[in-house]
N, C-alpha and C. Protein backbone atom coordinates (compact mmCIF):
# COMPACT_ATOMS: atom_id res chain seq x y z
N MET A 1 3.00 -26.97 -40.99
CA MET A 1 1.69 -27.19 -40.42
C MET A 1 1.25 -28.60 -40.79
N ALA A 2 0.67 -29.34 -39.85
CA ALA A 2 0.24 -30.71 -40.10
C ALA A 2 -0.99 -30.72 -40.99
N ALA A 3 -1.05 -31.75 -41.82
CA ALA A 3 -2.21 -31.92 -42.70
C ALA A 3 -3.40 -32.37 -41.88
N PRO A 4 -4.61 -31.92 -42.21
CA PRO A 4 -5.78 -32.34 -41.45
C PRO A 4 -5.98 -33.85 -41.59
N ARG A 5 -6.43 -34.47 -40.51
CA ARG A 5 -6.65 -35.91 -40.51
C ARG A 5 -8.02 -36.22 -41.07
N THR A 6 -8.07 -37.30 -41.83
CA THR A 6 -9.35 -37.76 -42.35
C THR A 6 -10.01 -38.65 -41.32
N GLY A 7 -11.26 -38.95 -41.51
CA GLY A 7 -11.98 -39.83 -40.59
C GLY A 7 -11.33 -41.19 -40.49
N ALA A 8 -10.83 -41.75 -41.61
CA ALA A 8 -10.20 -43.06 -41.60
C ALA A 8 -8.90 -43.03 -40.81
N THR A 9 -8.11 -41.95 -40.96
CA THR A 9 -6.85 -41.83 -40.24
C THR A 9 -7.10 -41.70 -38.73
N LEU A 10 -8.10 -40.92 -38.37
CA LEU A 10 -8.44 -40.76 -36.97
C LEU A 10 -8.92 -42.08 -36.37
N ALA A 11 -9.74 -42.81 -37.10
CA ALA A 11 -10.22 -44.11 -36.62
C ALA A 11 -9.06 -45.08 -36.44
N ALA A 12 -8.09 -45.07 -37.34
CA ALA A 12 -6.93 -45.94 -37.23
C ALA A 12 -6.10 -45.57 -36.01
N LEU A 13 -5.95 -44.29 -35.73
CA LEU A 13 -5.21 -43.81 -34.56
C LEU A 13 -5.88 -44.26 -33.28
N VAL A 14 -7.18 -44.11 -33.19
CA VAL A 14 -7.94 -44.53 -32.00
C VAL A 14 -7.83 -46.03 -31.81
N ALA A 15 -7.94 -46.80 -32.89
CA ALA A 15 -7.82 -48.27 -32.80
C ALA A 15 -6.45 -48.67 -32.31
N THR A 16 -5.40 -47.98 -32.74
CA THR A 16 -4.04 -48.27 -32.29
C THR A 16 -3.89 -47.96 -30.80
N LEU A 17 -4.41 -46.83 -30.36
CA LEU A 17 -4.34 -46.48 -28.93
C LEU A 17 -5.08 -47.49 -28.07
N VAL A 18 -6.26 -47.93 -28.52
CA VAL A 18 -7.02 -48.93 -27.77
C VAL A 18 -6.24 -50.23 -27.69
N ALA A 19 -5.60 -50.63 -28.79
CA ALA A 19 -4.81 -51.86 -28.80
C ALA A 19 -3.64 -51.77 -27.82
N VAL A 20 -2.98 -50.61 -27.78
CA VAL A 20 -1.85 -50.42 -26.86
C VAL A 20 -2.33 -50.49 -25.41
N VAL A 21 -3.44 -49.85 -25.08
CA VAL A 21 -3.98 -49.85 -23.72
C VAL A 21 -4.34 -51.27 -23.31
N VAL A 22 -4.99 -52.00 -24.17
CA VAL A 22 -5.38 -53.38 -23.86
C VAL A 22 -4.14 -54.25 -23.69
N ALA A 23 -3.15 -54.11 -24.57
CA ALA A 23 -1.95 -54.93 -24.53
C ALA A 23 -1.11 -54.67 -23.29
N THR A 24 -1.12 -53.44 -22.79
CA THR A 24 -0.29 -53.10 -21.63
C THR A 24 -1.04 -53.24 -20.32
N GLY A 25 -2.25 -53.72 -20.36
CA GLY A 25 -2.98 -53.94 -19.11
C GLY A 25 -3.72 -52.73 -18.62
N GLY A 26 -4.04 -51.80 -19.47
CA GLY A 26 -4.82 -50.63 -19.06
C GLY A 26 -3.95 -49.43 -18.81
N ILE A 27 -4.54 -48.42 -18.26
CA ILE A 27 -3.81 -47.16 -18.00
C ILE A 27 -3.59 -46.96 -16.51
N GLY A 28 -3.43 -48.06 -15.79
CA GLY A 28 -3.15 -47.95 -14.37
C GLY A 28 -4.37 -48.11 -13.49
N LEU A 29 -5.55 -48.20 -14.07
CA LEU A 29 -6.75 -48.31 -13.26
C LEU A 29 -6.97 -49.72 -12.74
N ALA A 30 -6.41 -50.70 -13.45
CA ALA A 30 -6.64 -52.09 -13.06
C ALA A 30 -5.44 -52.68 -12.34
N GLN A 31 -4.68 -51.86 -11.62
CA GLN A 31 -3.52 -52.37 -10.90
C GLN A 31 -3.97 -53.26 -9.75
N ASP A 32 -3.11 -54.18 -9.37
CA ASP A 32 -3.38 -55.06 -8.24
C ASP A 32 -3.35 -54.23 -6.96
N ARG A 33 -4.46 -54.15 -6.26
CA ARG A 33 -4.57 -53.29 -5.08
C ARG A 33 -3.69 -53.77 -3.93
N THR A 34 -3.28 -55.01 -3.92
CA THR A 34 -2.45 -55.51 -2.82
C THR A 34 -1.04 -54.94 -2.88
N THR A 35 -0.61 -54.41 -4.02
CA THR A 35 0.73 -53.86 -4.13
C THR A 35 0.78 -52.38 -3.77
N LEU A 36 -0.37 -51.74 -3.67
CA LEU A 36 -0.40 -50.32 -3.35
C LEU A 36 -0.31 -50.11 -1.85
N LYS A 37 0.50 -49.17 -1.43
CA LYS A 37 0.65 -48.84 -0.01
C LYS A 37 0.17 -47.42 0.20
N SER A 38 -0.54 -47.21 1.29
CA SER A 38 -1.06 -45.89 1.60
C SER A 38 -0.52 -45.42 2.94
N LEU A 39 -0.20 -44.14 3.03
CA LEU A 39 0.23 -43.58 4.31
C LEU A 39 -0.93 -43.48 5.29
N ARG A 40 -2.17 -43.62 4.77
CA ARG A 40 -3.36 -43.55 5.61
C ARG A 40 -3.71 -44.90 6.22
N GLY A 41 -2.96 -45.94 5.89
CA GLY A 41 -3.27 -47.26 6.41
C GLY A 41 -4.38 -47.92 5.62
N ASP A 42 -5.27 -48.63 6.29
CA ASP A 42 -6.34 -49.36 5.63
C ASP A 42 -7.60 -48.53 5.41
N VAL A 43 -7.51 -47.23 5.50
CA VAL A 43 -8.66 -46.36 5.31
C VAL A 43 -8.88 -46.15 3.82
N GLY A 44 -10.09 -46.42 3.35
CA GLY A 44 -10.42 -46.25 1.95
C GLY A 44 -10.45 -44.78 1.55
N LEU A 45 -10.38 -44.52 0.25
CA LEU A 45 -10.38 -43.15 -0.24
C LEU A 45 -11.63 -42.38 0.15
N GLU A 46 -12.76 -43.07 0.20
CA GLU A 46 -14.02 -42.41 0.50
C GLU A 46 -14.23 -42.23 2.00
N GLU A 47 -13.44 -42.93 2.81
CA GLU A 47 -13.61 -42.88 4.27
C GLU A 47 -12.78 -41.74 4.86
N ILE A 48 -13.25 -41.23 5.98
CA ILE A 48 -12.52 -40.20 6.69
C ILE A 48 -11.83 -40.86 7.88
N GLY A 49 -10.52 -40.83 7.87
CA GLY A 49 -9.76 -41.42 8.96
C GLY A 49 -9.75 -40.50 10.17
N ALA A 50 -9.61 -41.10 11.33
CA ALA A 50 -9.56 -40.32 12.58
C ALA A 50 -8.23 -39.57 12.66
N ALA A 51 -8.28 -38.36 13.14
CA ALA A 51 -7.06 -37.57 13.32
C ALA A 51 -6.29 -38.16 14.50
N PRO A 52 -4.96 -38.18 14.41
CA PRO A 52 -4.19 -38.70 15.54
C PRO A 52 -4.31 -37.76 16.73
N PRO A 53 -4.27 -38.30 17.94
CA PRO A 53 -4.37 -37.44 19.11
C PRO A 53 -3.13 -36.54 19.23
N VAL A 54 -3.34 -35.30 19.61
CA VAL A 54 -2.25 -34.37 19.81
C VAL A 54 -2.25 -34.00 21.28
N VAL A 55 -1.17 -34.26 21.94
CA VAL A 55 -1.08 -33.97 23.37
C VAL A 55 0.01 -32.94 23.60
N LYS A 56 -0.01 -32.33 24.78
CA LYS A 56 1.03 -31.36 25.10
C LYS A 56 2.38 -32.05 25.12
N GLN A 57 3.34 -31.46 24.46
CA GLN A 57 4.68 -32.02 24.38
C GLN A 57 5.53 -31.53 25.54
N ASP A 58 6.53 -32.30 25.88
CA ASP A 58 7.50 -31.84 26.87
C ASP A 58 8.31 -30.72 26.22
N THR A 59 8.32 -29.58 26.86
CA THR A 59 9.05 -28.45 26.28
C THR A 59 10.44 -28.39 26.88
N PRO A 60 11.38 -27.88 26.14
CA PRO A 60 12.74 -27.70 26.68
C PRO A 60 12.70 -26.76 27.88
N SER A 61 13.78 -26.78 28.66
CA SER A 61 13.82 -26.00 29.90
C SER A 61 13.58 -24.51 29.68
N ASP A 62 13.97 -23.98 28.51
CA ASP A 62 13.73 -22.57 28.24
C ASP A 62 12.34 -22.32 27.65
N GLY A 63 11.55 -23.39 27.48
CA GLY A 63 10.18 -23.25 27.01
C GLY A 63 10.05 -23.09 25.50
N MET A 64 11.16 -23.17 24.78
CA MET A 64 11.12 -22.94 23.34
C MET A 64 11.57 -24.20 22.60
N PHE A 65 10.87 -24.53 21.53
CA PHE A 65 11.30 -25.61 20.66
C PHE A 65 12.35 -25.06 19.72
N GLY A 66 13.24 -25.92 19.25
CA GLY A 66 14.25 -25.51 18.28
C GLY A 66 13.58 -25.10 16.98
N ARG A 67 14.27 -24.30 16.22
CA ARG A 67 13.74 -23.84 14.93
C ARG A 67 14.62 -24.36 13.81
N ALA A 68 14.00 -24.64 12.68
CA ALA A 68 14.72 -25.19 11.55
C ALA A 68 15.37 -24.12 10.68
N TYR A 69 14.91 -22.88 10.78
CA TYR A 69 15.49 -21.78 10.02
C TYR A 69 15.28 -20.48 10.79
N ARG A 70 16.04 -19.46 10.44
CA ARG A 70 16.14 -18.23 11.22
C ARG A 70 14.80 -17.56 11.51
N GLN A 71 13.95 -17.38 10.54
CA GLN A 71 12.70 -16.65 10.74
C GLN A 71 11.49 -17.57 10.98
N GLN A 72 11.74 -18.83 11.36
CA GLN A 72 10.63 -19.76 11.60
C GLN A 72 9.81 -19.28 12.80
N PRO A 73 8.48 -19.19 12.64
CA PRO A 73 7.63 -18.80 13.77
C PRO A 73 7.70 -19.88 14.87
N PRO A 74 7.59 -19.50 16.12
CA PRO A 74 7.62 -20.49 17.20
C PRO A 74 6.51 -21.53 17.03
N LEU A 75 6.79 -22.76 17.46
CA LEU A 75 5.81 -23.84 17.40
C LEU A 75 4.89 -23.78 18.61
N ILE A 76 3.69 -24.30 18.47
CA ILE A 76 2.69 -24.30 19.55
C ILE A 76 2.84 -25.61 20.33
N PRO A 77 3.10 -25.56 21.65
CA PRO A 77 3.34 -26.79 22.42
C PRO A 77 2.09 -27.40 23.06
N HIS A 78 0.90 -27.04 22.57
CA HIS A 78 -0.32 -27.58 23.18
C HIS A 78 -1.40 -27.77 22.14
N ARG A 79 -2.49 -28.43 22.54
CA ARG A 79 -3.60 -28.69 21.62
C ARG A 79 -4.31 -27.38 21.28
N ILE A 80 -4.78 -27.27 20.03
CA ILE A 80 -5.49 -26.05 19.62
C ILE A 80 -6.73 -26.35 18.79
N GLU A 81 -7.05 -27.64 18.59
CA GLU A 81 -8.14 -27.94 17.66
C GLU A 81 -9.50 -27.42 18.11
N THR A 82 -9.67 -27.13 19.40
CA THR A 82 -10.95 -26.59 19.86
C THR A 82 -10.91 -25.06 19.98
N TYR A 83 -9.78 -24.44 19.67
CA TYR A 83 -9.68 -22.99 19.80
C TYR A 83 -10.50 -22.30 18.73
N GLN A 84 -11.15 -21.24 19.13
CA GLN A 84 -11.97 -20.47 18.20
C GLN A 84 -11.20 -19.24 17.75
N VAL A 85 -11.08 -19.10 16.44
CA VAL A 85 -10.47 -17.91 15.86
C VAL A 85 -11.39 -17.47 14.73
N THR A 86 -12.03 -16.34 14.93
CA THR A 86 -12.91 -15.76 13.90
C THR A 86 -12.41 -14.35 13.62
N LYS A 87 -13.10 -13.64 12.74
CA LYS A 87 -12.68 -12.27 12.45
C LYS A 87 -12.87 -11.34 13.64
N ASP A 88 -13.72 -11.76 14.61
CA ASP A 88 -13.99 -10.91 15.77
C ASP A 88 -13.35 -11.39 17.06
N PHE A 89 -12.89 -12.65 17.10
CA PHE A 89 -12.38 -13.21 18.36
C PHE A 89 -11.25 -14.18 18.08
N ASN A 90 -10.18 -14.08 18.86
CA ASN A 90 -9.05 -14.99 18.74
C ASN A 90 -8.75 -15.54 20.13
N GLN A 91 -9.09 -16.80 20.35
CA GLN A 91 -8.93 -17.41 21.66
C GLN A 91 -7.46 -17.50 22.09
N CYS A 92 -6.54 -17.54 21.15
CA CYS A 92 -5.11 -17.58 21.49
C CYS A 92 -4.72 -16.36 22.32
N MET A 93 -5.34 -15.22 22.00
CA MET A 93 -4.98 -13.97 22.66
C MET A 93 -5.45 -13.91 24.12
N THR A 94 -6.37 -14.80 24.53
CA THR A 94 -6.79 -14.80 25.94
C THR A 94 -5.64 -15.18 26.86
N CYS A 95 -4.62 -15.85 26.31
CA CYS A 95 -3.44 -16.19 27.11
C CYS A 95 -2.16 -15.51 26.62
N HIS A 96 -2.07 -15.20 25.34
CA HIS A 96 -0.80 -14.72 24.79
C HIS A 96 -0.72 -13.22 24.58
N ASP A 97 -1.81 -12.48 24.78
CA ASP A 97 -1.76 -11.02 24.66
C ASP A 97 -1.43 -10.43 26.04
N TRP A 98 -0.75 -9.31 26.05
CA TRP A 98 -0.40 -8.64 27.29
C TRP A 98 -1.63 -7.96 27.86
N PRO A 99 -1.90 -7.96 29.14
CA PRO A 99 -1.12 -8.53 30.24
C PRO A 99 -1.58 -9.93 30.66
N ALA A 100 -2.54 -10.52 29.93
CA ALA A 100 -3.05 -11.85 30.31
C ALA A 100 -1.96 -12.91 30.28
N ASN A 101 -0.94 -12.72 29.47
CA ASN A 101 0.12 -13.72 29.37
C ASN A 101 0.86 -13.91 30.69
N ILE A 102 0.92 -12.86 31.50
CA ILE A 102 1.63 -12.95 32.78
C ILE A 102 0.92 -13.92 33.70
N LYS A 103 -0.39 -13.75 33.86
CA LYS A 103 -1.18 -14.65 34.72
C LYS A 103 -1.21 -16.06 34.15
N ALA A 104 -1.29 -16.20 32.83
CA ALA A 104 -1.37 -17.52 32.19
C ALA A 104 -0.01 -18.21 32.14
N GLY A 105 1.06 -17.45 32.33
CA GLY A 105 2.40 -18.03 32.22
C GLY A 105 2.74 -18.41 30.79
N ALA A 106 2.15 -17.68 29.84
CA ALA A 106 2.34 -17.97 28.42
C ALA A 106 3.25 -16.92 27.79
N PRO A 107 3.99 -17.28 26.75
CA PRO A 107 4.79 -16.27 26.05
C PRO A 107 3.90 -15.20 25.44
N LYS A 108 4.34 -13.95 25.53
CA LYS A 108 3.60 -12.85 24.92
C LYS A 108 3.93 -12.82 23.43
N VAL A 109 2.93 -12.50 22.62
CA VAL A 109 3.17 -12.40 21.18
C VAL A 109 4.23 -11.34 20.92
N SER A 110 4.94 -11.50 19.83
CA SER A 110 6.00 -10.58 19.46
C SER A 110 5.46 -9.17 19.25
N GLU A 111 6.26 -8.20 19.56
CA GLU A 111 5.88 -6.80 19.35
C GLU A 111 5.59 -6.51 17.88
N THR A 112 6.20 -7.29 16.98
CA THR A 112 5.95 -7.09 15.56
C THR A 112 4.49 -7.35 15.19
N HIS A 113 3.79 -8.11 16.02
CA HIS A 113 2.39 -8.44 15.75
C HIS A 113 1.46 -7.24 16.00
N TYR A 114 2.00 -6.17 16.59
CA TYR A 114 1.22 -4.95 16.87
C TYR A 114 1.47 -3.86 15.84
N ASN A 115 2.17 -4.19 14.76
CA ASN A 115 2.44 -3.21 13.70
C ASN A 115 1.60 -3.54 12.48
N ASP A 116 1.04 -2.50 11.85
CA ASP A 116 0.28 -2.75 10.61
C ASP A 116 1.24 -2.81 9.43
N ARG A 117 0.70 -2.93 8.23
CA ARG A 117 1.54 -3.07 7.03
C ARG A 117 2.46 -1.87 6.80
N GLU A 118 2.01 -0.71 7.22
CA GLU A 118 2.81 0.50 7.01
C GLU A 118 3.81 0.72 8.14
N GLY A 119 3.82 -0.17 9.15
CA GLY A 119 4.75 -0.03 10.26
C GLY A 119 4.21 0.80 11.41
N ASN A 120 2.93 1.20 11.35
CA ASN A 120 2.33 1.98 12.43
C ASN A 120 2.06 1.09 13.63
N ARG A 121 2.37 1.60 14.82
CA ARG A 121 2.16 0.87 16.07
C ARG A 121 0.67 0.89 16.42
N LEU A 122 0.11 -0.29 16.76
CA LEU A 122 -1.30 -0.42 17.12
C LEU A 122 -1.43 -0.83 18.58
N ASP A 123 -2.62 -0.61 19.16
CA ASP A 123 -2.87 -1.03 20.53
C ASP A 123 -3.39 -2.45 20.62
N LYS A 124 -3.69 -3.03 19.47
CA LYS A 124 -4.18 -4.41 19.43
C LYS A 124 -3.44 -5.16 18.34
N ILE A 125 -3.61 -6.46 18.30
CA ILE A 125 -2.94 -7.28 17.30
C ILE A 125 -3.36 -6.83 15.90
N SER A 126 -2.41 -6.71 15.01
CA SER A 126 -2.68 -6.29 13.64
C SER A 126 -3.54 -7.35 12.94
N GLY A 127 -4.42 -6.89 12.06
CA GLY A 127 -5.25 -7.80 11.29
C GLY A 127 -4.44 -8.76 10.45
N THR A 128 -3.24 -8.37 10.05
CA THR A 128 -2.38 -9.25 9.25
C THR A 128 -1.74 -10.35 10.09
N ARG A 129 -1.83 -10.23 11.42
CA ARG A 129 -1.24 -11.22 12.32
C ARG A 129 -2.29 -11.89 13.20
N PHE A 130 -3.56 -11.65 12.93
CA PHE A 130 -4.65 -12.08 13.81
C PHE A 130 -4.91 -13.58 13.76
N PHE A 131 -4.69 -14.22 12.61
CA PHE A 131 -4.98 -15.65 12.47
C PHE A 131 -3.68 -16.43 12.68
N CYS A 132 -3.44 -16.82 13.90
CA CYS A 132 -2.16 -17.38 14.34
C CYS A 132 -1.69 -18.57 13.52
N THR A 133 -2.62 -19.45 13.16
CA THR A 133 -2.22 -20.68 12.48
C THR A 133 -1.84 -20.47 11.02
N GLN A 134 -1.85 -19.22 10.55
CA GLN A 134 -1.26 -18.93 9.24
C GLN A 134 0.23 -19.21 9.29
N CYS A 135 0.83 -19.01 10.46
CA CYS A 135 2.28 -19.16 10.61
C CYS A 135 2.68 -20.18 11.67
N HIS A 136 1.94 -20.22 12.76
CA HIS A 136 2.29 -21.09 13.88
C HIS A 136 1.54 -22.41 13.78
N VAL A 137 2.25 -23.50 14.05
CA VAL A 137 1.65 -24.84 13.98
C VAL A 137 1.94 -25.58 15.28
N PRO A 138 1.07 -26.52 15.65
CA PRO A 138 1.32 -27.31 16.86
C PRO A 138 2.55 -28.21 16.69
N GLN A 139 3.30 -28.35 17.76
CA GLN A 139 4.45 -29.24 17.77
C GLN A 139 3.95 -30.65 18.04
N LEU A 140 4.49 -31.61 17.34
CA LEU A 140 4.12 -32.99 17.57
C LEU A 140 5.35 -33.85 17.37
N ASP A 141 5.61 -34.72 18.32
CA ASP A 141 6.74 -35.63 18.23
C ASP A 141 6.28 -36.88 17.50
N ALA A 142 6.16 -36.78 16.18
CA ALA A 142 5.65 -37.89 15.37
C ALA A 142 6.77 -38.39 14.47
N LYS A 143 6.76 -39.69 14.24
CA LYS A 143 7.78 -40.23 13.34
C LYS A 143 7.47 -39.79 11.91
N PRO A 144 8.48 -39.52 11.12
CA PRO A 144 8.27 -39.08 9.75
C PRO A 144 7.54 -40.14 8.93
N LEU A 145 6.64 -39.72 8.04
CA LEU A 145 5.94 -40.65 7.17
C LEU A 145 6.85 -41.15 6.05
N VAL A 146 7.78 -40.31 5.63
CA VAL A 146 8.75 -40.68 4.61
C VAL A 146 10.12 -40.23 5.08
N SER A 147 11.16 -40.88 4.59
CA SER A 147 12.50 -40.50 5.01
C SER A 147 12.87 -39.13 4.44
N SER A 148 13.75 -38.44 5.14
CA SER A 148 14.15 -37.10 4.72
C SER A 148 15.60 -36.86 5.11
N THR A 149 16.30 -36.10 4.31
CA THR A 149 17.67 -35.73 4.62
C THR A 149 17.75 -34.27 5.05
N PHE A 150 16.59 -33.67 5.41
CA PHE A 150 16.55 -32.27 5.81
C PHE A 150 17.46 -32.04 7.01
N GLN A 151 18.19 -30.95 6.99
CA GLN A 151 19.03 -30.55 8.10
C GLN A 151 18.60 -29.19 8.60
N ASN A 152 18.59 -29.04 9.90
CA ASN A 152 18.33 -27.77 10.54
C ASN A 152 19.33 -26.75 10.01
N ALA A 153 18.95 -25.49 9.93
CA ALA A 153 19.83 -24.45 9.39
C ALA A 153 21.15 -24.38 10.15
N THR A 154 21.16 -24.69 11.44
CA THR A 154 22.41 -24.64 12.22
C THR A 154 23.27 -25.87 11.98
N GLU A 155 22.72 -26.91 11.36
CA GLU A 155 23.46 -28.13 11.09
C GLU A 155 24.12 -28.15 9.73
N VAL A 156 23.71 -27.26 8.83
CA VAL A 156 24.23 -27.24 7.47
C VAL A 156 25.65 -26.72 7.49
N LYS A 157 26.53 -27.45 6.85
CA LYS A 157 27.96 -27.06 6.83
C LYS A 157 28.29 -26.35 5.54
């Protein structure tokens, strides 16, 4: 067990730490701002940058985007930022629930979305599947912010 420090020992320790901080140029707070690069561009930390525009992407001929892994939920090929999803209403279902999907020309949600946790078949979307963006995200053809060596599951040898 370490011996308790006296006031003089503690003061000497603090003085040494202060000397080290001063000698090394601080603890990173006084870095030259011109050397720092931000993925947000010239937007300051306190400022809110504008979201990039998301437009409908060209979909493959079969209407499906490729998936990176076997159980990946399908990607959303259109804008959704104005869609309303509350505990009582899900705007996605106005086009993707049966039979509205036929008229809308939209893919119908998977049959698994009509099963509750116990596997019971429901007449409406299960509460566990009601908030679509828990799993599904909009597709965007954007250049990567950082390099990556990620390979699609079908590309891994």
